[in-house]
């Protein structure tokens, strides 16, 4: 099940987001948070050219995402365990147009 963002507060926005240490120019994200008992739950919604590409979520005290869901023509796909794959995200971005590469 995908997180219901109506239960979260917007925390921050970021541009040219990096995934696993790889910066993807043009990829932006909005991060949302909420208290879950003594822990803080976080959801990042990632966009390219204003189009939602994927979301990733988990707890801020954990080193990696618990789940990721990719957007597709029919809406959000099923959640997958773990962080988003840099290669999968690059493939999604390629369908939207050229992805700028860092120099």
C-alpha atoms as a PDB file:
ATOM      1  CA  UNK A   1       0.000   0.000   0.000  1.00  0.00           C
ATOM      2  CA  UNK A   2       1.264   3.472  -0.907  1.00  0.00           C
ATOM      3  CA  UNK A   3       1.616   6.130   1.787  1.00  0.00           C
ATOM      4  CA  UNK A   4      -1.322   8.529   2.099  1.00  0.00           C
ATOM      5  CA  UNK A   5       0.349  11.932   1.880  1.00  0.00           C
ATOM      6  CA  UNK A   6      -2.649  13.647   3.468  1.00  0.00           C
ATOM      7  CA  UNK A   7      -1.319  12.255   6.775  1.00  0.00           C
ATOM      8  CA  UNK A   8       2.126  13.817   6.269  1.00  0.00           C
ATOM      9  CA  UNK A   9       3.497  17.362   6.420  1.00  0.00           C
ATOM     10  CA  UNK A  10       5.745  18.782   3.722  1.00  0.00           C
ATOM     11  CA  UNK A  11       9.277  18.814   5.108  1.00  0.00           C
ATOM     12  CA  UNK A  12      11.479  20.160   2.280  1.00  0.00           C
ATOM     13  CA  UNK A  13      12.128  20.266  -1.457  1.00  0.00           C
ATOM     14  CA  UNK A  14      15.333  19.492  -3.316  1.00  0.00           C
ATOM     15  CA  UNK A  15      16.565  19.910  -6.900  1.00  0.00           C
ATOM     16  CA  UNK A  16      19.058  17.779  -8.828  1.00  0.00           C
ATOM     17  CA  UNK A  17      18.557  14.937  -6.388  1.00  0.00           C
ATOM     18  CA  UNK A  18      21.093  12.165  -6.034  1.00  0.00           C
ATOM     19  CA  UNK A  19      20.232   8.489  -5.838  1.00  0.00           C
ATOM     20  CA  UNK A  20      22.753   6.291  -4.117  1.00  0.00           C
ATOM     21  CA  UNK A  21      25.425   8.937  -4.725  1.00  0.00           C
ATOM     22  CA  UNK A  22      24.529   9.526  -8.389  1.00  0.00           C
ATOM     23  CA  UNK A  23      23.197  13.034  -9.107  1.00  0.00           C
ATOM     24  CA  UNK A  24      20.421  13.065 -11.696  1.00  0.00           C
ATOM     25  CA  UNK A  25      20.163  16.649 -13.015  1.00  0.00           C
ATOM     26  CA  UNK A  26      16.567  17.754 -13.434  1.00  0.00           C
ATOM     27  CA  UNK A  27      15.229  15.247 -10.910  1.00  0.00           C
ATOM     28  CA  UNK A  28      13.546  17.048  -8.012  1.00  0.00           C
ATOM     29  CA  UNK A  29      11.901  15.753  -4.863  1.00  0.00           C
ATOM     30  CA  UNK A  30       9.444  16.832  -2.224  1.00  0.00           C
ATOM     31  CA  UNK A  31       9.931  15.168   1.154  1.00  0.00           C
ATOM     32  CA  UNK A  32       7.123  14.642   3.627  1.00  0.00           C
ATOM     33  CA  UNK A  33       7.306  13.550   7.257  1.00  0.00           C
ATOM     34  CA  UNK A  34       5.129  12.486  10.142  1.00  0.00           C
ATOM     35  CA  UNK A  35       5.642  11.211  13.662  1.00  0.00           C
ATOM     36  CA  UNK A  36       5.031   7.482  14.046  1.00  0.00           C
ATOM     37  CA  UNK A  37       5.308   6.888  17.789  1.00  0.00           C
ATOM     38  CA  UNK A  38       8.906   7.645  18.730  1.00  0.00           C
ATOM     39  CA  UNK A  39      10.059   7.449  15.085  1.00  0.00           C
ATOM     40  CA  UNK A  40       9.708   9.731  12.082  1.00  0.00           C
ATOM     41  CA  UNK A  41       8.324   8.331   8.850  1.00  0.00           C
ATOM     42  CA  UNK A  42       9.464   9.954   5.593  1.00  0.00           C
ATOM     43  CA  UNK A  43       8.153   9.870   2.020  1.00  0.00           C
ATOM     44  CA  UNK A  44       9.949  11.365  -0.956  1.00  0.00           C
ATOM     45  CA  UNK A  45       7.984  12.081  -4.130  1.00  0.00           C
ATOM     46  CA  UNK A  46      10.350  12.490  -7.080  1.00  0.00           C
ATOM     47  CA  UNK A  47       9.575  14.418 -10.272  1.00  0.00           C
ATOM     48  CA  UNK A  48      11.208  15.134 -13.598  1.00  0.00           C
ATOM     49  CA  UNK A  49       9.892  18.006 -15.735  1.00  0.00           C
ATOM     50  CA  UNK A  50       6.970  18.245 -13.310  1.00  0.00           C
ATOM     51  CA  UNK A  51       5.949  14.601 -13.807  1.00  0.00           C
ATOM     52  CA  UNK A  52       5.930  12.231 -10.829  1.00  0.00           C
ATOM     53  CA  UNK A  53       8.391   9.405 -11.490  1.00  0.00           C
ATOM     54  CA  UNK A  54       8.556   7.478  -8.225  1.00  0.00           C
ATOM     55  CA  UNK A  55       8.126   7.683  -4.486  1.00  0.00           C
ATOM     56  CA  UNK A  56      10.274   6.125  -1.800  1.00  0.00           C
ATOM     57  CA  UNK A  57       9.540   5.823   1.902  1.00  0.00           C
ATOM     58  CA  UNK A  58      10.700   4.513   5.230  1.00  0.00           C
ATOM     59  CA  UNK A  59      11.973   5.887   8.536  1.00  0.00           C
ATOM     60  CA  UNK A  60      14.557   8.667   8.845  1.00  0.00           C
ATOM     61  CA  UNK A  61      16.628   6.649  11.345  1.00  0.00           C
ATOM     62  CA  UNK A  62      17.185   3.852   8.812  1.00  0.00           C
ATOM     63  CA  UNK A  63      19.997   4.087   6.233  1.00  0.00           C
ATOM     64  CA  UNK A  64      17.853   3.009   3.255  1.00  0.00           C
ATOM     65  CA  UNK A  65      14.297   3.200   1.957  1.00  0.00           C
ATOM     66  CA  UNK A  66      11.906   0.496   2.996  1.00  0.00           C
ATOM     67  CA  UNK A  67       9.839   0.704  -0.187  1.00  0.00           C
ATOM     68  CA  UNK A  68       9.730   2.314  -3.623  1.00  0.00           C
ATOM     69  CA  UNK A  69       6.858   2.636  -6.104  1.00  0.00           C
ATOM     70  CA  UNK A  70       7.306   3.750  -9.710  1.00  0.00           C
ATOM     71  CA  UNK A  71       4.743   5.771 -11.638  1.00  0.00           C
ATOM     72  CA  UNK A  72       3.502   4.435 -14.956  1.00  0.00           C
ATOM     73  CA  UNK A  73       0.871   5.143 -17.589  1.00  0.00           C
ATOM     74  CA  UNK A  74      -1.812   3.479 -15.444  1.00  0.00           C
ATOM     75  CA  UNK A  75      -0.778   5.248 -12.210  1.00  0.00           C
ATOM     76  CA  UNK A  76       1.401   4.042  -9.373  1.00  0.00           C
ATOM     77  CA  UNK A  77       2.844   0.555  -9.527  1.00  0.00           C
ATOM     78  CA  UNK A  78       2.978  -1.837  -6.603  1.00  0.00           C
ATOM     79  CA  UNK A  79       5.462  -1.038  -3.828  1.00  0.00           C
ATOM     80  CA  UNK A  80       8.810  -2.829  -4.063  1.00  0.00           C
ATOM     81  CA  UNK A  81      11.170  -3.445  -1.172  1.00  0.00           C
ATOM     82  CA  UNK A  82      14.195  -1.190  -0.950  1.00  0.00           C
ATOM     83  CA  UNK A  83      15.453   1.988  -2.548  1.00  0.00           C
ATOM     84  CA  UNK A  84      14.859   3.050  -6.137  1.00  0.00           C
ATOM     85  CA  UNK A  85      17.249   1.665  -8.712  1.00  0.00           C
ATOM     86  CA  UNK A  86      19.365   4.334 -10.414  1.00  0.00           C
ATOM     87  CA  UNK A  87      19.122   2.357 -13.671  1.00  0.00           C
ATOM     88  CA  UNK A  88      15.321   2.033 -13.435  1.00  0.00           C
ATOM     89  CA  UNK A  89      15.005   5.770 -12.792  1.00  0.00           C
ATOM     90  CA  UNK A  90      17.318   6.585 -15.725  1.00  0.00           C
ATOM     91  CA  UNK A  91      15.138   4.351 -17.934  1.00  0.00           C
ATOM     92  CA  UNK A  92      12.009   6.196 -16.791  1.00  0.00           C
ATOM     93  CA  UNK A  93      13.629   9.573 -17.407  1.00  0.00           C
ATOM     94  CA  UNK A  94      14.727   8.484 -20.874  1.00  0.00           C
ATOM     95  CA  UNK A  95      11.086   7.940 -21.814  1.00  0.00           C
ATOM     96  CA  UNK A  96      10.420  11.601 -20.921  1.00  0.00           C
ATOM     97  CA  UNK A  97      13.291  13.073 -22.906  1.00  0.00           C
ATOM     98  CA  UNK A  98      17.025  13.582 -22.680  1.00  0.00           C
ATOM     99  CA  UNK A  99      18.542  13.435 -19.224  1.00  0.00           C
ATOM    100  CA  UNK A 100      21.311  16.012 -18.699  1.00  0.00           C
ATOM    101  CA  UNK A 101      24.617  14.402 -17.750  1.00  0.00           C
ATOM    102  CA  UNK A 102      27.057  15.999 -15.302  1.00  0.00           C
ATOM    103  CA  UNK A 103      30.380  17.215 -16.718  1.00  0.00           C
END
